[in-house]
Every structure is written in structure tokens, then in C-alpha cells.
Amino acid sequence: MLSILENAHEIAIEQSLNKSPVITFSLPADDDKSVLLTRANEVWIRDIVTGDVIASGILEERVDTR
């Protein structure tokens, strides 16, 4: 594990048949851990209670909405 994105918010997972899940979330632009979000690193979403992986994937698009 590289890090936990404590400041992530507006998290959503979109599931479609025969497609990988699409994970979207917002992260403040000044968050130091945002540099870890690269195509080389896989993003995992885990259930906070059980620790089970709910969804995983690679970074496909990064948008700055400032």
C-alpha cells in the first residue's frame, strides 16, 4: 500500500456489465498524496469495516477543477 487518501471526497463507483468499474473522486489540489496517483499505480477502494476490496483500477483521467 502506498497511501490512504484521507482527503478524498465525492467518491463514486459506477458498475457496468462487461466493463471495469469506474471510480471517481475529488481530492484537494494541494494534497501531498496526489502525486502518487499515476498510471503506474493501481487504485483500490476497500470497505472500511471489513477491509474487502470493493473496486480497483488504474488512473485513466485526471481533471483539475479549480
PDB file of N, CA and C in Angstrom:
ATOM      1  N   MET A   1       0.850  -1.171   0.000  1.00  0.00           N
ATOM      2  CA  MET A   1       0.000   0.000   0.000  1.00  0.00           C
ATOM      3  C   MET A   1       0.897   1.235   0.000  1.00  0.00           C
ATOM      4  N   LEU A   2       0.589   2.165  -0.865  1.00  0.00           N
ATOM      5  CA  LEU A   2       1.358   3.398  -0.933  1.00  0.00           C
ATOM      6  C   LEU A   2       0.829   4.463   0.009  1.00  0.00           C
ATOM      7  N   SER A   3      -0.475   4.603   0.076  1.00  0.00           N
ATOM      8  CA  SER A   3      -1.049   5.624   0.956  1.00  0.00           C
ATOM      9  C   SER A   3      -2.557   5.458   1.063  1.00  0.00           C
ATOM     10  N   ILE A   4      -3.105   6.174   2.010  1.00  0.00           N
ATOM     11  CA  ILE A   4      -4.556   6.275   2.157  1.00  0.00           C
ATOM     12  C   ILE A   4      -4.901   7.733   1.890  1.00  0.00           C
ATOM     13  N   LEU A   5      -5.830   7.962   0.991  1.00  0.00           N
ATOM     14  CA  LEU A   5      -6.218   9.325   0.629  1.00  0.00           C
ATOM     15  C   LEU A   5      -7.305   9.814   1.578  1.00  0.00           C
ATOM     16  N   GLU A   6      -6.876  10.344   2.730  1.00  0.00           N
ATOM     17  CA  GLU A   6      -7.819  10.782   3.757  1.00  0.00           C
ATOM     18  C   GLU A   6      -8.709  11.920   3.287  1.00  0.00           C
ATOM     19  N   ASN A   7      -8.220  12.736   2.364  1.00  0.00           N
ATOM     20  CA  ASN A   7      -8.955  13.927   1.933  1.00  0.00           C
ATOM     21  C   ASN A   7      -9.832  13.690   0.711  1.00  0.00           C
ATOM     22  N   ALA A   8      -9.918  12.455   0.243  1.00  0.00           N
ATOM     23  CA  ALA A   8     -10.783  12.155  -0.904  1.00  0.00           C
ATOM     24  C   ALA A   8     -12.237  12.323  -0.486  1.00  0.00           C
ATOM     25  N   HIS A   9     -13.035  12.869  -1.399  1.00  0.00           N
ATOM     26  CA  HIS A   9     -14.455  13.048  -1.128  1.00  0.00           C
ATOM     27  C   HIS A   9     -15.217  12.926  -2.439  1.00  0.00           C
ATOM     28  N   GLU A  10     -16.540  12.924  -2.356  1.00  0.00           N
ATOM     29  CA  GLU A  10     -17.401  12.730  -3.525  1.00  0.00           C
ATOM     30  C   GLU A  10     -17.005  11.452  -4.281  1.00  0.00           C
ATOM     31  N   ILE A  11     -16.837  10.375  -3.536  1.00  0.00           N
ATOM     32  CA  ILE A  11     -16.398   9.094  -4.096  1.00  0.00           C
ATOM     33  C   ILE A  11     -17.596   8.350  -4.674  1.00  0.00           C
ATOM     34  N   ALA A  12     -17.432   7.840  -5.890  1.00  0.00           N
ATOM     35  CA  ALA A  12     -18.500   7.074  -6.536  1.00  0.00           C
ATOM     36  C   ALA A  12     -17.873   5.940  -7.347  1.00  0.00           C
ATOM     37  N   ILE A  13     -18.582   4.821  -7.407  1.00  0.00           N
ATOM     38  CA  ILE A  13     -18.156   3.678  -8.215  1.00  0.00           C
ATOM     39  C   ILE A  13     -19.291   3.353  -9.170  1.00  0.00           C
ATOM     40  N   GLU A  14     -19.003   3.385 -10.467  1.00  0.00           N
ATOM     41  CA  GLU A  14     -20.006   3.087 -11.486  1.00  0.00           C
ATOM     42  C   GLU A  14     -19.710   1.710 -12.079  1.00  0.00           C
ATOM     43  N   GLN A  15     -20.645   0.807 -11.935  1.00  0.00           N
ATOM     44  CA  GLN A  15     -20.508  -0.554 -12.450  1.00  0.00           C
ATOM     45  C   GLN A  15     -21.339  -0.708 -13.712  1.00  0.00           C
ATOM     46  N   SER A  16     -20.762  -1.301 -14.752  1.00  0.00           N
ATOM     47  CA  SER A  16     -21.484  -1.605 -15.991  1.00  0.00           C
ATOM     48  C   SER A  16     -21.187  -3.049 -16.372  1.00  0.00           C
ATOM     49  N   LEU A  17     -22.122  -3.673 -17.042  1.00  0.00           N
ATOM     50  CA  LEU A  17     -21.917  -5.045 -17.484  1.00  0.00           C
ATOM     51  C   LEU A  17     -20.736  -5.133 -18.452  1.00  0.00           C
ATOM     52  N   ASN A  18     -19.895  -6.130 -18.268  1.00  0.00           N
ATOM     53  CA  ASN A  18     -18.753  -6.414 -19.134  1.00  0.00           C
ATOM     54  C   ASN A  18     -17.743  -5.277 -19.229  1.00  0.00           C
ATOM     55  N   LYS A  19     -17.675  -4.429 -18.207  1.00  0.00           N
ATOM     56  CA  LYS A  19     -16.700  -3.341 -18.167  1.00  0.00           C
ATOM     57  C   LYS A  19     -16.098  -3.258 -16.778  1.00  0.00           C
ATOM     58  N   SER A  20     -14.889  -2.735 -16.706  1.00  0.00           N
ATOM     59  CA  SER A  20     -14.268  -2.488 -15.410  1.00  0.00           C
ATOM     60  C   SER A  20     -15.010  -1.369 -14.704  1.00  0.00           C
ATOM     61  N   PRO A  21     -15.048  -1.406 -13.375  1.00  0.00           N
ATOM     62  CA  PRO A  21     -15.714  -0.320 -12.655  1.00  0.00           C
ATOM     63  C   PRO A  21     -14.997   1.013 -12.881  1.00  0.00           C
ATOM     64  N   VAL A  22     -15.745   2.095 -12.878  1.00  0.00           N
ATOM     65  CA  VAL A  22     -15.190   3.442 -12.995  1.00  0.00           C
ATOM     66  C   VAL A  22     -15.276   4.088 -11.618  1.00  0.00           C
ATOM     67  N   ILE A  23     -14.130   4.450 -11.070  1.00  0.00           N
ATOM     68  CA  ILE A  23     -14.057   5.068  -9.749  1.00  0.00           C
ATOM     69  C   ILE A  23     -13.808   6.562  -9.952  1.00  0.00           C
ATOM     70  N   THR A  24     -14.648   7.386  -9.379  1.00  0.00           N
ATOM     71  CA  THR A  24     -14.429   8.830  -9.446  1.00  0.00           C
ATOM     72  C   THR A  24     -14.384   9.381  -8.027  1.00  0.00           C
ATOM     73  N   PHE A  25     -13.535  10.371  -7.828  1.00  0.00           N
ATOM     74  CA  PHE A  25     -13.452  11.029  -6.530  1.00  0.00           C
ATOM     75  C   PHE A  25     -12.777  12.374  -6.706  1.00  0.00           C
ATOM     76  N   SER A  26     -12.950  13.224  -5.721  1.00  0.00           N
ATOM     77  CA  SER A  26     -12.315  14.536  -5.696  1.00  0.00           C
ATOM     78  C   SER A  26     -11.241  14.535  -4.624  1.00  0.00           C
ATOM     79  N   LEU A  27     -10.183  15.271  -4.905  1.00  0.00           N
ATOM     80  CA  LEU A  27      -9.060  15.376  -3.976  1.00  0.00           C
ATOM     81  C   LEU A  27      -8.542  16.808  -4.060  1.00  0.00           C
ATOM     82  N   PRO A  28      -8.304  17.478  -2.932  1.00  0.00           N
ATOM     83  CA  PRO A  28      -7.781  18.839  -2.999  1.00  0.00           C
ATOM     84  C   PRO A  28      -6.472  18.888  -3.796  1.00  0.00           C
ATOM     85  N   ALA A  29      -6.310  19.929  -4.608  1.00  0.00           N
ATOM     86  CA  ALA A  29      -5.130  20.048  -5.468  1.00  0.00           C
ATOM     87  C   ALA A  29      -3.838  20.132  -4.667  1.00  0.00           C
ATOM     88  N   ASP A  30      -3.913  20.635  -3.450  1.00  0.00           N
ATOM     89  CA  ASP A  30      -2.697  20.772  -2.643  1.00  0.00           C
ATOM     90  C   ASP A  30      -2.415  19.544  -1.763  1.00  0.00           C
ATOM     91  N   ASP A  31      -3.158  18.462  -1.951  1.00  0.00           N
ATOM     92  CA  ASP A  31      -2.927  17.229  -1.184  1.00  0.00           C
ATOM     93  C   ASP A  31      -1.599  16.610  -1.626  1.00  0.00           C
ATOM     94  N   ASP A  32      -0.678  16.423  -0.693  1.00  0.00           N
ATOM     95  CA  ASP A  32       0.645  15.877  -0.997  1.00  0.00           C
ATOM     96  C   ASP A  32       0.583  14.496  -1.640  1.00  0.00           C
ATOM     97  N   LYS A  33      -0.432  13.715  -1.314  1.00  0.00           N
ATOM     98  CA  LYS A  33      -0.517  12.346  -1.809  1.00  0.00           C
ATOM     99  C   LYS A  33      -1.033  12.255  -3.245  1.00  0.00           C
ATOM    100  N   SER A  34      -1.460  13.377  -3.814  1.00  0.00           N
ATOM    101  CA  SER A  34      -1.960  13.347  -5.189  1.00  0.00           C
ATOM    102  C   SER A  34      -0.866  12.961  -6.185  1.00  0.00           C
ATOM    103  N   VAL A  35       0.400  13.168  -5.838  1.00  0.00           N
ATOM    104  CA  VAL A  35       1.496  12.797  -6.738  1.00  0.00           C
ATOM    105  C   VAL A  35       1.596  11.276  -6.889  1.00  0.00           C
ATOM    106  N   LEU A  36       1.006  10.527  -5.963  1.00  0.00           N
ATOM    107  CA  LEU A  36       1.034   9.061  -6.040  1.00  0.00           C
ATOM    108  C   LEU A  36       0.016   8.515  -7.038  1.00  0.00           C
ATOM    109  N   LEU A  37      -0.900   9.361  -7.500  1.00  0.00           N
ATOM    110  CA  LEU A  37      -1.923   8.925  -8.447  1.00  0.00           C
ATOM    111  C   LEU A  37      -1.364   9.001  -9.866  1.00  0.00           C
ATOM    112  N   THR A  38      -0.761   7.905 -10.284  1.00  0.00           N
ATOM    113  CA  THR A  38      -0.199   7.817 -11.629  1.00  0.00           C
ATOM    114  C   THR A  38      -0.727   6.556 -12.292  1.00  0.00           C
ATOM    115  N   ARG A  39      -0.537   6.435 -13.601  1.00  0.00           N
ATOM    116  CA  ARG A  39      -0.986   5.238 -14.318  1.00  0.00           C
ATOM    117  C   ARG A  39      -0.211   3.999 -13.850  1.00  0.00           C
ATOM    118  N   ALA A  40       0.969   4.199 -13.278  1.00  0.00           N
ATOM    119  CA  ALA A  40       1.778   3.060 -12.833  1.00  0.00           C
ATOM    120  C   ALA A  40       1.243   2.442 -11.541  1.00  0.00           C
ATOM    121  N   ASN A  41       0.466   3.193 -10.789  1.00  0.00           N
ATOM    122  CA  ASN A  41      -0.051   2.712  -9.505  1.00  0.00           C
ATOM    123  C   ASN A  41      -1.530   2.381  -9.614  1.00  0.00           C
ATOM    124  N   GLU A  42      -1.919   1.243  -9.070  1.00  0.00           N
ATOM    125  CA  GLU A  42      -3.312   0.832  -9.088  1.00  0.00           C
ATOM    126  C   GLU A  42      -4.046   1.465  -7.911  1.00  0.00           C
ATOM    127  N   VAL A  43      -5.285   1.877  -8.140  1.00  0.00           N
ATOM    128  CA  VAL A  43      -6.128   2.465  -7.095  1.00  0.00           C
ATOM    129  C   VAL A  43      -7.076   1.383  -6.594  1.00  0.00           C
ATOM    130  N   TRP A  44      -7.111   1.183  -5.281  1.00  0.00           N
ATOM    131  CA  TRP A  44      -8.021   0.204  -4.676  1.00  0.00           C
ATOM    132  C   TRP A  44      -8.984   0.932  -3.764  1.00  0.00           C
ATOM    133  N   ILE A  45     -10.238   0.522  -3.800  1.00  0.00           N
ATOM    134  CA  ILE A  45     -11.246   1.009  -2.856  1.00  0.00           C
ATOM    135  C   ILE A  45     -11.583  -0.159  -1.940  1.00  0.00           C
ATOM    136  N   ARG A  46     -11.385   0.031  -0.645  1.00  0.00           N
ATOM    137  CA  ARG A  46     -11.661  -1.026   0.335  1.00  0.00           C
ATOM    138  C   ARG A  46     -12.815  -0.622   1.248  1.00  0.00           C
ATOM    139  N   ASP A  47     -13.558  -1.627   1.697  1.00  0.00           N
ATOM    140  CA  ASP A  47     -14.589  -1.420   2.706  1.00  0.00           C
ATOM    141  C   ASP A  47     -13.886  -1.084   4.012  1.00  0.00           C
ATOM    142  N   ILE A  48     -14.254   0.023   4.630  1.00  0.00           N
ATOM    143  CA  ILE A  48     -13.563   0.477   5.836  1.00  0.00           C
ATOM    144  C   ILE A  48     -13.764  -0.472   7.019  1.00  0.00           C
ATOM    145  N   VAL A  49     -14.852  -1.206   7.047  1.00  0.00           N
ATOM    146  CA  VAL A  49     -15.144  -2.112   8.162  1.00  0.00           C
ATOM    147  C   VAL A  49     -14.485  -3.477   7.959  1.00  0.00           C
ATOM    148  N   THR A  50     -14.711  -4.092   6.790  1.00  0.00           N
ATOM    149  CA  THR A  50     -14.216  -5.452   6.559  1.00  0.00           C
ATOM    150  C   THR A  50     -12.838  -5.508   5.917  1.00  0.00           C
ATOM    151  N   GLY A  51     -12.431  -4.424   5.246  1.00  0.00           N
ATOM    152  CA  GLY A  51     -11.145  -4.423   4.557  1.00  0.00           C
ATOM    153  C   GLY A  51     -11.200  -5.086   3.184  1.00  0.00           C
ATOM    154  N   ASP A  52     -12.379  -5.560   2.767  1.00  0.00           N
ATOM    155  CA  ASP A  52     -12.525  -6.201   1.459  1.00  0.00           C
ATOM    156  C   ASP A  52     -12.358  -5.171   0.338  1.00  0.00           C
ATOM    157  N   VAL A  53     -11.735  -5.581  -0.767  1.00  0.00           N
ATOM    158  CA  VAL A  53     -11.589  -4.713  -1.930  1.00  0.00           C
ATOM    159  C   VAL A  53     -12.930  -4.651  -2.659  1.00  0.00           C
ATOM    160  N   ILE A  54     -13.465  -3.450  -2.803  1.00  0.00           N
ATOM    161  CA  ILE A  54     -14.744  -3.244  -3.475  1.00  0.00           C
ATOM    162  C   ILE A  54     -14.519  -3.040  -4.968  1.00  0.00           C
ATOM    163  N   ALA A  55     -13.490  -2.270  -5.323  1.00  0.00           N
ATOM    164  CA  ALA A  55     -13.180  -1.985  -6.724  1.00  0.00           C
ATOM    165  C   ALA A  55     -11.703  -1.637  -6.828  1.00  0.00           C
ATOM    166  N   SER A  56     -11.142  -1.837  -8.003  1.00  0.00           N
ATOM    167  CA  SER A  56      -9.752  -1.453  -8.242  1.00  0.00           C
ATOM    168  C   SER A  56      -9.588  -1.090  -9.707  1.00  0.00           C
ATOM    169  N   GLY A  57      -8.545  -0.320  -9.994  1.00  0.00           N
ATOM    170  CA  GLY A  57      -8.292   0.070 -11.373  1.00  0.00           C
ATOM    171  C   GLY A  57      -7.094   0.985 -11.475  1.00  0.00           C
ATOM    172  N   ILE A  58      -6.800   1.431 -12.698  1.00  0.00           N
ATOM    173  CA  ILE A  58      -5.696   2.349 -12.917  1.00  0.00           C
ATOM    174  C   ILE A  58      -6.247   3.736 -13.216  1.00  0.00           C
ATOM    175  N   LEU A  59      -5.403   4.733 -13.052  1.00  0.00           N
ATOM    176  CA  LEU A  59      -5.799   6.099 -13.339  1.00  0.00           C
ATOM    177  C   LEU A  59      -5.985   6.262 -14.837  1.00  0.00           C
ATOM    178  N   GLU A  60      -7.174   6.681 -15.223  1.00  0.00           N
ATOM    179  CA  GLU A  60      -7.461   6.864 -16.650  1.00  0.00           C
ATOM    180  C   GLU A  60      -7.505   8.349 -17.000  1.00  0.00           C
ATOM    181  N   GLU A  61      -8.048   9.147 -16.112  1.00  0.00           N
ATOM    182  CA  GLU A  61      -8.201  10.568 -16.404  1.00  0.00           C
ATOM    183  C   GLU A  61      -8.019  11.357 -15.125  1.00  0.00           C
ATOM    184  N   ARG A  62      -7.306  12.453 -15.240  1.00  0.00           N
ATOM    185  CA  ARG A  62      -7.103  13.337 -14.090  1.00  0.00           C
ATOM    186  C   ARG A  62      -7.548  14.736 -14.515  1.00  0.00           C
ATOM    187  N   VAL A  63      -8.457  15.324 -13.747  1.00  0.00           N
ATOM    188  CA  VAL A  63      -9.026  16.616 -14.104  1.00  0.00           C
ATOM    189  C   VAL A  63      -8.829  17.589 -12.954  1.00  0.00           C
ATOM    190  N   ASP A  64      -8.312  18.777 -13.260  1.00  0.00           N
ATOM    191  CA  ASP A  64      -8.169  19.827 -12.269  1.00  0.00           C
ATOM    192  C   ASP A  64      -9.360  20.768 -12.416  1.00  0.00           C
ATOM    193  N   THR A  65     -10.194  20.867 -11.384  1.00  0.00           N
ATOM    194  CA  THR A  65     -11.424  21.650 -11.483  1.00  0.00           C
ATOM    195  C   THR A  65     -11.354  22.945 -10.680  1.00  0.00           C
ATOM    196  N   ARG A  66     -10.165  23.430 -10.417  1.00  0.00           N
ATOM    197  CA  ARG A  66     -10.046  24.682  -9.647  1.00  0.00           C
ATOM    198  C   ARG A  66     -10.630  25.837 -10.404  1.00  0.00           C
TER     199      ARG A  66
END
